[in-house]
Amino acid sequence: MNKWNSRGEIVACVEQAMDMYFKDLDGELPSGIYDMVLACVERPLIEKMLHFSQGNQTRAAEYLGINRNTLRKKMAQYNLQ
């Protein structure tokens, strides 16, 4: 599978999750969706990149396209080692 197919799968997962979220609201107004989605996605994404990079924070930050200090801050935020 190439990276473009994988992107499509990620998009489909997000769309499906958001459809379920709106369905489950049952008439209530949504609030804070952006922060909610980021919180749900960011931690497992960082965990996977750290695992993929065999714990190398510099490499994981490069894969994520963020500064290593930003990665370290997010690791502390999510209590990751």
Protein backbone atom coordinates (compact mmCIF):
# COMPACT_ATOMS: atom_id res chain seq x y z
CA MET A 1 0.00 0.00 0.00
CA ASN A 2 1.41 3.40 -0.86
CA LYS A 3 1.29 6.47 1.35
CA TRP A 4 -1.55 8.03 -0.66
CA ASN A 5 -3.83 5.06 0.04
CA SER A 6 -2.91 5.26 3.73
CA ARG A 7 -3.85 8.95 3.80
CA GLY A 8 -7.22 8.07 2.34
CA GLU A 9 -7.74 5.50 5.08
CA ILE A 10 -6.87 8.03 7.77
CA VAL A 11 -9.29 10.54 6.28
CA ALA A 12 -12.01 7.88 6.13
CA CYS A 13 -11.42 6.96 9.79
CA VAL A 14 -11.69 10.58 10.89
CA GLU A 15 -14.83 11.10 8.81
CA GLN A 16 -16.42 7.95 10.24
CA ALA A 17 -15.52 8.93 13.81
CA MET A 18 -16.93 12.42 13.32
CA ASP A 19 -20.13 11.02 11.82
CA MET A 20 -20.54 8.82 14.90
CA TYR A 21 -19.74 11.75 17.20
CA PHE A 22 -22.45 13.92 15.64
CA LYS A 23 -24.93 11.05 15.72
CA ASP A 24 -24.21 10.44 19.41
CA LEU A 25 -24.78 14.12 20.25
CA ASP A 26 -28.50 13.38 20.02
CA GLY A 27 -29.48 17.01 19.48
CA GLU A 28 -26.89 18.59 21.79
CA LEU A 29 -24.65 21.30 20.36
CA PRO A 30 -21.03 20.31 19.70
CA SER A 31 -18.24 22.12 21.51
CA GLY A 32 -14.44 22.06 21.42
CA ILE A 33 -14.26 19.57 18.56
CA TYR A 34 -10.83 20.66 17.33
CA ASP A 35 -9.15 20.20 20.73
CA MET A 36 -11.03 16.93 21.29
CA VAL A 37 -9.83 15.43 18.00
CA LEU A 38 -6.25 16.58 18.52
CA ALA A 39 -6.18 15.10 22.01
CA CYS A 40 -7.51 11.78 20.69
CA VAL A 41 -4.99 11.59 17.83
CA GLU A 42 -1.83 13.24 19.12
CA ARG A 43 -0.86 10.86 21.93
CA PRO A 44 -1.09 7.60 19.93
CA LEU A 45 0.62 9.30 16.98
CA ILE A 46 3.56 10.33 19.15
CA GLU A 47 3.70 6.89 20.77
CA LYS A 48 3.82 5.18 17.36
CA MET A 49 6.53 7.50 16.05
CA LEU A 50 8.65 6.93 19.15
CA HIS A 51 8.23 3.18 18.72
CA PHE A 52 8.98 3.40 14.97
CA SER A 53 12.12 5.44 15.67
CA GLN A 54 13.15 2.97 18.41
CA GLY A 55 12.96 5.74 21.01
CA ASN A 56 15.12 8.17 19.05
CA GLN A 57 13.45 11.49 19.81
CA THR A 58 15.32 13.43 17.14
CA ARG A 59 14.23 10.97 14.46
CA ALA A 60 10.65 10.82 15.79
CA ALA A 61 10.45 14.63 15.70
CA GLU A 62 11.74 14.61 12.12
CA TYR A 63 9.12 12.02 11.11
CA LEU A 64 6.41 14.15 12.72
CA GLY A 65 7.74 17.35 11.16
CA ILE A 66 8.10 19.09 14.52
CA ASN A 67 10.98 20.44 16.58
CA ARG A 68 12.55 18.01 19.06
CA ASN A 69 11.82 20.41 21.93
CA THR A 70 8.16 20.44 20.88
CA LEU A 71 8.18 16.64 20.90
CA ARG A 72 9.69 16.58 24.38
CA LYS A 73 7.05 19.06 25.62
CA LYS A 74 4.27 16.88 24.18
CA MET A 75 5.85 13.76 25.67
CA ALA A 76 5.77 15.43 29.08
CA GLN A 77 2.18 16.57 28.50
CA TYR A 78 1.10 12.98 27.77
CA ASN A 79 3.47 11.44 30.34
CA LEU A 80 5.38 9.48 27.68
CA GLN A 81 8.97 8.32 27.98
